[in-house]
Amino acid sequence: MKNIIVLLLLSCLAFCATDHRVFSNLQLMQGNTLSVYPKSDIDNYTVLLIHSNTTEGSTTFTDSSFYNHAISAINGAIHSTDTAKFGASSIKYTGSSFSHWNGGAVQTPNSDDFNLGSGDFTIDLWVKFALHNGGGFGATFIAQESFTPVYSVNSFYLVDNAGLKLYFAYSTDGSNHLSFQENWSPATNTWYHLACVRNGANLYFFVNGNQLGTPKNLGSASLYYDSNGKLSVGGRNDGGSLNGYIDEFRLSKGIARWTSNFTPPNSIYE
């Protein structure tokens, strides 16, 4: 009888989300509690996750986070089997400096899930450049912006500044921007893992798990403006589109996943 009761309890696990962690608690005899945790790659902190593991030329994109945001491709962004960090394909872009979307972008409608506010966050992705643009913001990795109707009202963006700097900028009022950057010298035709992390008042940049420079202090201007605009990966209106590939793009809200050197992921997030 005891075995039957335990089996029935195991078949009725109740899952709930608390403190951005998905877990299940099972109250057993004698007051013991069994907690079952999933693999930590995908959790409730993960608000957007884009794999690319499909067929050549596909324009169907899926958010593999628990939030299942709708995603669309614009201006030629596609899945491509030319190259991939993991799986069969990656997202391909063909932009040039200040191309204003003509290299393509992957977009999802505005959501409060993307309002970073004053909390911690982590942006991480794999990128492979086919070309470094000659000037300006040479490649956009992520941007949230709206249009009024021509000029952008930005919340935040992470870009490669002409292939020479990792550059993160954000606004507290939708107009003025604060920016932070670190030098780096990426090569073409090479996969890099990039991470931009906020932990409290500090901002970190990582390439292949190695911290660039020292943490940037955000000071008192720590509340990010919510532009109510679309979130874009790979391109933006007020700057250049990426010429190259992105794989395993993840945006995490409410968590600083890394604050010191780390080993980059060696497989897809699942």
C-alpha atoms as a PDB file:
ATOM      1  CA  MET A   1       0.000   0.000   0.000  1.00  0.00           C
ATOM      2  CA  LYS A   2       2.805   2.428   0.848  1.00  0.00           C
ATOM      3  CA  ASN A   3       4.392   1.794  -2.557  1.00  0.00           C
ATOM      4  CA  ILE A   4       1.088   2.505  -4.279  1.00  0.00           C
ATOM      5  CA  ILE A   5       0.685   5.800  -2.399  1.00  0.00           C
ATOM      6  CA  VAL A   6       4.198   6.903  -3.357  1.00  0.00           C
ATOM      7  CA  LEU A   7       3.576   6.031  -7.016  1.00  0.00           C
ATOM      8  CA  LEU A   8       0.330   8.003  -6.997  1.00  0.00           C
ATOM      9  CA  LEU A   9       2.071  10.996  -5.478  1.00  0.00           C
ATOM     10  CA  LEU A  10       4.874  10.823  -8.041  1.00  0.00           C
ATOM     11  CA  SER A  11       2.291  10.804 -10.838  1.00  0.00           C
ATOM     12  CA  CYS A  12       0.705  14.016  -9.488  1.00  0.00           C
ATOM     13  CA  LEU A  13       3.678  16.361  -9.227  1.00  0.00           C
ATOM     14  CA  ALA A  14       2.523  19.976  -9.059  1.00  0.00           C
ATOM     15  CA  PHE A  15       4.751  22.387 -10.912  1.00  0.00           C
ATOM     16  CA  CYS A  16       4.863  26.034  -9.969  1.00  0.00           C
ATOM     17  CA  ALA A  17       7.070  29.051 -10.660  1.00  0.00           C
ATOM     18  CA  THR A  18       8.605  30.894  -7.735  1.00  0.00           C
ATOM     19  CA  ASP A  19      11.461  33.379  -7.797  1.00  0.00           C
ATOM     20  CA  HIS A  20      11.881  32.685 -11.525  1.00  0.00           C
ATOM     21  CA  ARG A  21      12.732  29.035 -10.959  1.00  0.00           C
ATOM     22  CA  VAL A  22      10.574  26.172 -12.183  1.00  0.00           C
ATOM     23  CA  PHE A  23      10.443  23.318  -9.714  1.00  0.00           C
ATOM     24  CA  SER A  24       8.198  20.724  -8.146  1.00  0.00           C
ATOM     25  CA  ASN A  25       7.805  19.840  -4.481  1.00  0.00           C
ATOM     26  CA  LEU A  26       6.498  16.496  -3.343  1.00  0.00           C
ATOM     27  CA  GLN A  27       5.573  16.093   0.328  1.00  0.00           C
ATOM     28  CA  LEU A  28       6.456  12.556   1.376  1.00  0.00           C
ATOM     29  CA  MET A  29       5.896  10.573   4.547  1.00  0.00           C
ATOM     30  CA  GLN A  30       7.626  11.672   7.725  1.00  0.00           C
ATOM     31  CA  GLY A  31       7.653  15.289   6.437  1.00  0.00           C
ATOM     32  CA  ASN A  32      10.376  14.720   3.840  1.00  0.00           C
ATOM     33  CA  THR A  33      10.291  16.880   0.694  1.00  0.00           C
ATOM     34  CA  LEU A  34      11.530  15.833  -2.734  1.00  0.00           C
ATOM     35  CA  SER A  35      12.431  18.751  -5.036  1.00  0.00           C
ATOM     36  CA  VAL A  36      12.863  18.037  -8.742  1.00  0.00           C
ATOM     37  CA  TYR A  37      14.743  20.647 -10.794  1.00  0.00           C
ATOM     38  CA  PRO A  38      14.990  20.742 -14.582  1.00  0.00           C
ATOM     39  CA  LYS A  39      18.204  21.301 -16.515  1.00  0.00           C
ATOM     40  CA  SER A  40      19.213  24.901 -15.820  1.00  0.00           C
ATOM     41  CA  ASP A  41      19.768  26.046 -19.439  1.00  0.00           C
ATOM     42  CA  ILE A  42      16.135  27.141 -19.817  1.00  0.00           C
ATOM     43  CA  ASP A  43      14.385  28.622 -16.802  1.00  0.00           C
ATOM     44  CA  ASN A  44      11.896  31.370 -16.062  1.00  0.00           C
ATOM     45  CA  TYR A  45      14.689  33.934 -16.291  1.00  0.00           C
ATOM     46  CA  THR A  46      15.032  33.042 -19.983  1.00  0.00           C
ATOM     47  CA  VAL A  47      12.579  35.410 -21.693  1.00  0.00           C
ATOM     48  CA  LEU A  48      13.719  34.852 -25.284  1.00  0.00           C
ATOM     49  CA  LEU A  49      15.636  31.927 -26.770  1.00  0.00           C
ATOM     50  CA  ILE A  50      16.171  31.505 -30.496  1.00  0.00           C
ATOM     51  CA  HIS A  51      17.714  28.306 -31.817  1.00  0.00           C
ATOM     52  CA  SER A  52      18.507  27.815 -35.459  1.00  0.00           C
ATOM     53  CA  ASN A  53      18.445  24.155 -36.354  1.00  0.00           C
ATOM     54  CA  THR A  54      16.389  23.770 -39.492  1.00  0.00           C
ATOM     55  CA  THR A  55      16.498  23.860 -43.297  1.00  0.00           C
ATOM     56  CA  GLU A  56      18.211  26.252 -45.683  1.00  0.00           C
ATOM     57  CA  GLY A  57      16.267  29.441 -46.366  1.00  0.00           C
ATOM     58  CA  SER A  58      13.587  28.890 -43.730  1.00  0.00           C
ATOM     59  CA  THR A  59      12.039  32.068 -42.324  1.00  0.00           C
ATOM     60  CA  THR A  60      10.136  30.310 -39.546  1.00  0.00           C
ATOM     61  CA  PHE A  61      11.520  31.289 -36.153  1.00  0.00           C
ATOM     62  CA  THR A  62      10.476  29.954 -32.760  1.00  0.00           C
ATOM     63  CA  ASP A  63      10.976  31.264 -29.245  1.00  0.00           C
ATOM     64  CA  SER A  64      12.072  28.226 -27.245  1.00  0.00           C
ATOM     65  CA  SER A  65      11.676  29.944 -23.869  1.00  0.00           C
ATOM     66  CA  PHE A  66       8.660  29.233 -21.672  1.00  0.00           C
ATOM     67  CA  TYR A  67       7.118  32.515 -22.886  1.00  0.00           C
ATOM     68  CA  ASN A  68       6.738  31.501 -26.542  1.00  0.00           C
ATOM     69  CA  HIS A  69       6.916  34.999 -28.038  1.00  0.00           C
ATOM     70  CA  ALA A  70       5.916  35.340 -31.678  1.00  0.00           C
ATOM     71  CA  ILE A  71       8.947  35.910 -33.934  1.00  0.00           C
ATOM     72  CA  SER A  72       9.144  37.121 -37.519  1.00  0.00           C
ATOM     73  CA  ALA A  73      11.987  37.705 -39.977  1.00  0.00           C
ATOM     74  CA  ILE A  74      12.253  40.915 -42.004  1.00  0.00           C
ATOM     75  CA  ASN A  75      14.335  42.081 -44.962  1.00  0.00           C
ATOM     76  CA  GLY A  76      16.039  38.819 -45.768  1.00  0.00           C
ATOM     77  CA  ALA A  77      17.060  37.316 -42.425  1.00  0.00           C
ATOM     78  CA  ILE A  78      16.914  33.530 -42.857  1.00  0.00           C
ATOM     79  CA  HIS A  79      18.079  30.264 -41.407  1.00  0.00           C
ATOM     80  CA  SER A  80      21.150  29.134 -43.322  1.00  0.00           C
ATOM     81  CA  THR A  81      23.051  25.865 -43.481  1.00  0.00           C
ATOM     82  CA  ASP A  82      26.188  27.725 -44.623  1.00  0.00           C
ATOM     83  CA  THR A  83      27.547  27.422 -41.106  1.00  0.00           C
ATOM     84  CA  ALA A  84      26.350  26.703 -37.566  1.00  0.00           C
ATOM     85  CA  LYS A  85      27.811  26.655 -34.096  1.00  0.00           C
ATOM     86  CA  PHE A  86      25.406  23.925 -33.069  1.00  0.00           C
ATOM     87  CA  GLY A  87      22.980  21.867 -35.110  1.00  0.00           C
ATOM     88  CA  ALA A  88      22.197  22.253 -38.795  1.00  0.00           C
ATOM     89  CA  SER A  89      21.924  26.009 -39.311  1.00  0.00           C
ATOM     90  CA  SER A  90      22.288  29.533 -37.957  1.00  0.00           C
ATOM     91  CA  ILE A  91      20.576  32.873 -38.606  1.00  0.00           C
ATOM     92  CA  LYS A  92      22.093  34.616 -41.623  1.00  0.00           C
ATOM     93  CA  TYR A  93      22.258  38.406 -42.119  1.00  0.00           C
ATOM     94  CA  THR A  94      23.729  40.320 -45.075  1.00  0.00           C
ATOM     95  CA  GLY A  95      23.898  43.899 -43.806  1.00  0.00           C
ATOM     96  CA  SER A  96      26.278  46.797 -44.264  1.00  0.00           C
ATOM     97  CA  SER A  97      27.113  49.838 -42.161  1.00  0.00           C
ATOM     98  CA  PHE A  98      24.076  52.048 -41.475  1.00  0.00           C
ATOM     99  CA  SER A  99      22.009  49.755 -43.665  1.00  0.00           C
ATOM    100  CA  HIS A 100      18.827  50.369 -41.656  1.00  0.00           C
ATOM    101  CA  TRP A 101      17.425  46.849 -41.814  1.00  0.00           C
ATOM    102  CA  ASN A 102      18.555  45.923 -45.333  1.00  0.00           C
ATOM    103  CA  GLY A 103      20.648  43.109 -43.917  1.00  0.00           C
ATOM    104  CA  GLY A 104      17.600  41.730 -42.165  1.00  0.00           C
ATOM    105  CA  ALA A 105      16.506  41.283 -38.572  1.00  0.00           C
ATOM    106  CA  VAL A 106      14.551  38.879 -36.432  1.00  0.00           C
ATOM    107  CA  GLN A 107      11.836  40.641 -34.455  1.00  0.00           C
ATOM    108  CA  THR A 108       9.285  39.987 -31.739  1.00  0.00           C
ATOM    109  CA  PRO A 109       6.544  42.370 -30.558  1.00  0.00           C
ATOM    110  CA  ASN A 110       6.979  44.407 -27.411  1.00  0.00           C
ATOM    111  CA  SER A 111       6.387  42.601 -24.147  1.00  0.00           C
ATOM    112  CA  ASP A 112       6.852  43.492 -20.513  1.00  0.00           C
ATOM    113  CA  ASP A 113       9.210  40.499 -20.482  1.00  0.00           C
ATOM    114  CA  PHE A 114      11.702  42.734 -22.326  1.00  0.00           C
ATOM    115  CA  ASN A 115      11.381  45.700 -19.969  1.00  0.00           C
ATOM    116  CA  LEU A 116      14.703  45.397 -18.149  1.00  0.00           C
ATOM    117  CA  GLY A 117      13.886  48.174 -15.673  1.00  0.00           C
ATOM    118  CA  SER A 118      16.566  48.396 -13.012  1.00  0.00           C
ATOM    119  CA  GLY A 119      17.141  44.669 -12.631  1.00  0.00           C
ATOM    120  CA  ASP A 120      19.874  42.251 -13.586  1.00  0.00           C
ATOM    121  CA  PHE A 121      19.985  40.782 -17.080  1.00  0.00           C
ATOM    122  CA  THR A 122      22.139  38.660 -19.368  1.00  0.00           C
ATOM    123  CA  ILE A 123      22.382  38.827 -23.157  1.00  0.00           C
ATOM    124  CA  ASP A 124      24.353  35.978 -24.702  1.00  0.00           C
ATOM    125  CA  LEU A 125      24.772  34.609 -28.201  1.00  0.00           C
ATOM    126  CA  TRP A 126      27.183  33.062 -30.664  1.00  0.00           C
ATOM    127  CA  VAL A 127      28.216  35.238 -33.623  1.00  0.00           C
ATOM    128  CA  LYS A 128      30.332  34.691 -36.733  1.00  0.00           C
ATOM    129  CA  PHE A 129      31.205  37.682 -38.922  1.00  0.00           C
ATOM    130  CA  ALA A 130      31.326  37.312 -42.689  1.00  0.00           C
ATOM    131  CA  LEU A 131      32.342  40.976 -43.000  1.00  0.00           C
ATOM    132  CA  HIS A 132      33.323  43.792 -40.665  1.00  0.00           C
ATOM    133  CA  ASN A 133      31.710  47.028 -41.706  1.00  0.00           C
ATOM    134  CA  GLY A 134      33.895  50.044 -42.182  1.00  0.00           C
ATOM    135  CA  GLY A 135      32.268  52.613 -39.913  1.00  0.00           C
ATOM    136  CA  GLY A 136      29.539  53.466 -37.509  1.00  0.00           C
ATOM    137  CA  PHE A 137      27.671  50.725 -35.699  1.00  0.00           C
ATOM    138  CA  GLY A 138      28.908  47.855 -37.785  1.00  0.00           C
ATOM    139  CA  ALA A 139      26.604  45.136 -36.444  1.00  0.00           C
ATOM    140  CA  THR A 140      23.597  45.013 -34.148  1.00  0.00           C
ATOM    141  CA  PHE A 141      23.123  42.022 -31.873  1.00  0.00           C
ATOM    142  CA  ILE A 142      19.982  43.170 -30.048  1.00  0.00           C
ATOM    143  CA  ALA A 143      17.930  46.377 -29.888  1.00  0.00           C
ATOM    144  CA  GLN A 144      14.592  47.474 -28.516  1.00  0.00           C
ATOM    145  CA  GLU A 145      13.212  50.553 -30.236  1.00  0.00           C
ATOM    146  CA  SER A 146      10.024  52.205 -31.428  1.00  0.00           C
ATOM    147  CA  PHE A 147       9.491  54.712 -34.246  1.00  0.00           C
ATOM    148  CA  THR A 148       7.922  58.154 -34.238  1.00  0.00           C
ATOM    149  CA  PRO A 149       7.685  57.359 -37.172  1.00  0.00           C
ATOM    150  CA  VAL A 150      11.138  57.772 -38.698  1.00  0.00           C
ATOM    151  CA  TYR A 151      13.600  58.183 -35.870  1.00  0.00           C
ATOM    152  CA  SER A 152      14.174  55.540 -33.261  1.00  0.00           C
ATOM    153  CA  VAL A 153      13.252  55.820 -29.607  1.00  0.00           C
ATOM    154  CA  ASN A 154      15.606  53.338 -28.026  1.00  0.00           C
ATOM    155  CA  SER A 155      15.424  51.458 -24.778  1.00  0.00           C
ATOM    156  CA  PHE A 156      18.724  49.582 -25.130  1.00  0.00           C
ATOM    157  CA  TYR A 157      20.983  48.014 -27.723  1.00  0.00           C
ATOM    158  CA  LEU A 158      24.142  45.926 -27.938  1.00  0.00           C
ATOM    159  CA  VAL A 159      26.282  46.395 -31.034  1.00  0.00           C
ATOM    160  CA  ASP A 160      29.687  45.736 -32.526  1.00  0.00           C
ATOM    161  CA  ASN A 161      31.111  49.194 -33.142  1.00  0.00           C
ATOM    162  CA  ALA A 162      32.845  48.846 -36.529  1.00  0.00           C
ATOM    163  CA  GLY A 163      34.356  45.542 -35.442  1.00  0.00           C
ATOM    164  CA  LEU A 164      36.511  47.283 -32.832  1.00  0.00           C
ATOM    165  CA  LYS A 165      34.380  47.557 -29.694  1.00  0.00           C
ATOM    166  CA  LEU A 166      31.544  45.867 -27.885  1.00  0.00           C
ATOM    167  CA  TYR A 167      29.153  48.714 -27.215  1.00  0.00           C
ATOM    168  CA  PHE A 168      26.084  48.718 -24.958  1.00  0.00           C
ATOM    169  CA  ALA A 169      23.821  51.768 -24.755  1.00  0.00           C
ATOM    170  CA  TYR A 170      20.568  52.445 -22.955  1.00  0.00           C
ATOM    171  CA  SER A 171      18.205  55.319 -22.306  1.00  0.00           C
ATOM    172  CA  THR A 172      16.453  56.439 -19.164  1.00  0.00           C
ATOM    173  CA  ASP A 173      14.054  58.776 -20.985  1.00  0.00           C
ATOM    174  CA  GLY A 174      13.759  57.456 -24.569  1.00  0.00           C
ATOM    175  CA  SER A 175      15.953  60.199 -26.000  1.00  0.00           C
ATOM    176  CA  ASN A 176      19.324  60.589 -24.316  1.00  0.00           C
ATOM    177  CA  HIS A 177      21.644  57.635 -24.056  1.00  0.00           C
ATOM    178  CA  LEU A 178      24.333  56.367 -21.745  1.00  0.00           C
ATOM    179  CA  SER A 179      26.894  54.056 -23.311  1.00  0.00           C
ATOM    180  CA  PHE A 180      29.641  51.682 -22.234  1.00  0.00           C
ATOM    181  CA  GLN A 181      32.180  49.883 -24.385  1.00  0.00           C
ATOM    182  CA  GLU A 182      35.246  47.649 -24.417  1.00  0.00           C
ATOM    183  CA  ASN A 183      37.834  47.037 -27.121  1.00  0.00           C
ATOM    184  CA  TRP A 184      37.930  43.717 -28.922  1.00  0.00           C
ATOM    185  CA  SER A 185      39.360  42.537 -32.248  1.00  0.00           C
ATOM    186  CA  PRO A 186      37.226  39.793 -33.771  1.00  0.00           C
ATOM    187  CA  ALA A 187      38.238  37.987 -36.938  1.00  0.00           C
ATOM    188  CA  THR A 188      35.890  37.015 -39.744  1.00  0.00           C
ATOM    189  CA  ASN A 189      34.794  33.396 -40.212  1.00  0.00           C
ATOM    190  CA  THR A 190      35.260  32.623 -36.505  1.00  0.00           C
ATOM    191  CA  TRP A 191      32.565  31.802 -33.961  1.00  0.00           C
ATOM    192  CA  TYR A 192      32.552  33.932 -30.787  1.00  0.00           C
ATOM    193  CA  HIS A 193      30.420  33.615 -27.692  1.00  0.00           C
ATOM    194  CA  LEU A 194      29.382  37.093 -26.516  1.00  0.00           C
ATOM    195  CA  ALA A 195      27.778  38.011 -23.214  1.00  0.00           C
ATOM    196  CA  CYS A 196      26.662  41.352 -21.796  1.00  0.00           C
ATOM    197  CA  VAL A 197      25.672  41.095 -18.142  1.00  0.00           C
ATOM    198  CA  ARG A 198      24.228  43.506 -15.632  1.00  0.00           C
ATOM    199  CA  ASN A 199      24.731  42.690 -11.958  1.00  0.00           C
ATOM    200  CA  GLY A 200      23.392  45.445  -9.710  1.00  0.00           C
ATOM    201  CA  ALA A 201      25.131  48.680 -10.695  1.00  0.00           C
ATOM    202  CA  ASN A 202      27.826  46.897 -12.722  1.00  0.00           C
ATOM    203  CA  LEU A 203      27.901  45.982 -16.409  1.00  0.00           C
ATOM    204  CA  TYR A 204      30.194  43.239 -17.737  1.00  0.00           C
ATOM    205  CA  PHE A 205      31.320  42.248 -21.235  1.00  0.00           C
ATOM    206  CA  PHE A 206      32.580  38.739 -22.016  1.00  0.00           C
ATOM    207  CA  VAL A 207      34.018  37.178 -25.180  1.00  0.00           C
ATOM    208  CA  ASN A 208      34.436  33.401 -25.198  1.00  0.00           C
ATOM    209  CA  GLY A 209      33.965  33.464 -21.435  1.00  0.00           C
ATOM    210  CA  ASN A 210      36.763  35.970 -20.812  1.00  0.00           C
ATOM    211  CA  GLN A 211      35.899  39.294 -19.221  1.00  0.00           C
ATOM    212  CA  LEU A 212      36.813  42.373 -21.244  1.00  0.00           C
ATOM    213  CA  GLY A 213      38.243  45.171 -19.114  1.00  0.00           C
ATOM    214  CA  THR A 214      36.724  45.941 -15.750  1.00  0.00           C
ATOM    215  CA  PRO A 215      33.047  46.168 -14.728  1.00  0.00           C
ATOM    216  CA  LYS A 216      31.362  49.393 -15.833  1.00  0.00           C
ATOM    217  CA  ASN A 217      29.573  51.256 -13.068  1.00  0.00           C
ATOM    218  CA  LEU A 218      26.117  52.396 -14.169  1.00  0.00           C
ATOM    219  CA  GLY A 219      25.893  54.976 -11.418  1.00  0.00           C
ATOM    220  CA  SER A 220      22.553  56.363 -10.323  1.00  0.00           C
ATOM    221  CA  ALA A 221      20.954  56.250 -13.812  1.00  0.00           C
ATOM    222  CA  SER A 222      19.987  52.626 -13.522  1.00  0.00           C
ATOM    223  CA  LEU A 223      16.334  52.518 -14.639  1.00  0.00           C
ATOM    224  CA  TYR A 224      16.027  51.609 -18.323  1.00  0.00           C
ATOM    225  CA  TYR A 225      13.382  53.309 -20.436  1.00  0.00           C
ATOM    226  CA  ASP A 226      10.647  51.027 -21.801  1.00  0.00           C
ATOM    227  CA  SER A 227      10.268  52.046 -25.427  1.00  0.00           C
ATOM    228  CA  ASN A 228       7.234  49.797 -26.045  1.00  0.00           C
ATOM    229  CA  GLY A 229       8.906  48.900 -29.328  1.00  0.00           C
ATOM    230  CA  LYS A 230       9.735  45.631 -30.994  1.00  0.00           C
ATOM    231  CA  LEU A 231      12.770  43.665 -29.888  1.00  0.00           C
ATOM    232  CA  SER A 232      15.144  42.996 -32.778  1.00  0.00           C
ATOM    233  CA  VAL A 233      18.019  40.535 -33.113  1.00  0.00           C
ATOM    234  CA  GLY A 234      20.675  41.124 -35.785  1.00  0.00           C
ATOM    235  CA  GLY A 235      19.642  44.573 -37.029  1.00  0.00           C
ATOM    236  CA  ARG A 236      18.065  47.875 -36.089  1.00  0.00           C
ATOM    237  CA  ASN A 237      16.613  50.933 -37.790  1.00  0.00           C
ATOM    238  CA  ASP A 238      19.038  53.507 -36.435  1.00  0.00           C
ATOM    239  CA  GLY A 239      22.277  51.662 -37.189  1.00  0.00           C
ATOM    240  CA  GLY A 240      23.955  48.852 -39.080  1.00  0.00           C
ATOM    241  CA  SER A 241      22.837  45.299 -39.600  1.00  0.00           C
ATOM    242  CA  LEU A 242      25.059  42.303 -39.015  1.00  0.00           C
ATOM    243  CA  ASN A 243      26.865  40.757 -41.966  1.00  0.00           C
ATOM    244  CA  GLY A 244      27.292  37.226 -40.709  1.00  0.00           C
ATOM    245  CA  TYR A 245      25.564  34.687 -38.520  1.00  0.00           C
ATOM    246  CA  ILE A 246      23.998  34.339 -35.062  1.00  0.00           C
ATOM    247  CA  ASP A 247      23.324  31.076 -33.262  1.00  0.00           C
ATOM    248  CA  GLU A 248      21.787  30.293 -29.852  1.00  0.00           C
ATOM    249  CA  PHE A 249      20.554  33.768 -28.955  1.00  0.00           C
ATOM    250  CA  ARG A 250      19.315  34.093 -25.361  1.00  0.00           C
ATOM    251  CA  LEU A 251      17.965  37.036 -23.358  1.00  0.00           C
ATOM    252  CA  SER A 252      17.661  36.477 -19.602  1.00  0.00           C
ATOM    253  CA  LYS A 253      15.845  38.948 -17.356  1.00  0.00           C
ATOM    254  CA  GLY A 254      16.354  39.151 -13.608  1.00  0.00           C
ATOM    255  CA  ILE A 255      19.619  37.229 -13.449  1.00  0.00           C
ATOM    256  CA  ALA A 256      23.324  37.958 -13.924  1.00  0.00           C
ATOM    257  CA  ARG A 257      24.449  34.574 -15.201  1.00  0.00           C
ATOM    258  CA  TRP A 258      28.177  35.389 -15.174  1.00  0.00           C
ATOM    259  CA  THR A 259      30.241  37.917 -13.228  1.00  0.00           C
ATOM    260  CA  SER A 260      33.668  36.311 -13.702  1.00  0.00           C
ATOM    261  CA  ASN A 261      35.403  34.245 -16.365  1.00  0.00           C
ATOM    262  CA  PHE A 262      33.494  31.136 -17.390  1.00  0.00           C
ATOM    263  CA  THR A 263      33.493  28.277 -19.879  1.00  0.00           C
ATOM    264  CA  PRO A 264      31.116  29.051 -22.787  1.00  0.00           C
ATOM    265  CA  PRO A 265      28.298  26.582 -23.440  1.00  0.00           C
ATOM    266  CA  ASN A 266      29.281  23.605 -25.596  1.00  0.00           C
ATOM    267  CA  SER A 267      25.798  22.643 -26.787  1.00  0.00           C
ATOM    268  CA  ILE A 268      22.385  24.141 -27.450  1.00  0.00           C
ATOM    269  CA  TYR A 269      20.320  25.381 -24.518  1.00  0.00           C
ATOM    270  CA  GLU A 270      17.654  22.828 -23.631  1.00  0.00           C
END
